[in-house]
């Protein structure tokens, strides 16, 4: 297995750090508005996040009701490449392409998390997740998908081998970290007709007893990022590495 390394043409379309929390009952939207006001100069666009709820009633007559209520905000950086979610149940930070490096992405997430944490005072951290969505553009014609991917759906030799589309999901426990790795892979529309584009979506998450002190929290996220890198390298071949180097 190749050691994780930095690629100058990384195929990452979105990177995400998600921290789900339990906030004190007295924390309301006004507190999230305070968080947003402290970063508004850099993240000037704000939208509400709404929770939709529905109910179906049966009896002599059948009816349905629906309601929606705000649970937070989505804030976008002025360059439209960084997106922050401030919710009553979670903090999430995304970086869209072009992705620079983990260190810059992590440091901005940490800065924003510290602001969120200082104004909401989470009682507990319920779930940590790191997700990287990659789009691999493979030039046509493709002789054998094994030349590009080491993790892929294998079609019985008794069936036609041509694929016009597929979706595959694998859930792989990571015993060394106590995490779960979810790999989603699918064919998506390519940038031009001369390519086949495959999404390689790596989602690593941890649930359960998660420390809430800053050093331990970010140490775990650092380990999860390293595990994500190992998973990415395990899924690709040298031909992909050459194309994104």
Foldseek 3Di string as FASTA:
>chain_A
DDAFDDFPQFQWFKKKKKWWFAFPPVDDQVLLVVLCVVCCVFFVDKDFDKDKDKDWDDDPDIDMDIDIDTFWMWTAGPVRQKIWTDGNTITMIMGGPPDDDPVVRVVVSLVSVVSSCVRGVTPATFKIKIKTKGKQWAFPDDDDCVQWWPDDDDDPPVDDPDDPKDWDWDWDQDVVLRKIWIWIKMWDDDPDPRTTIMMTMIMIMHGDHQDDDDVRNVVSVVVVVSVSSVVVVNTTDVVSSVVRD
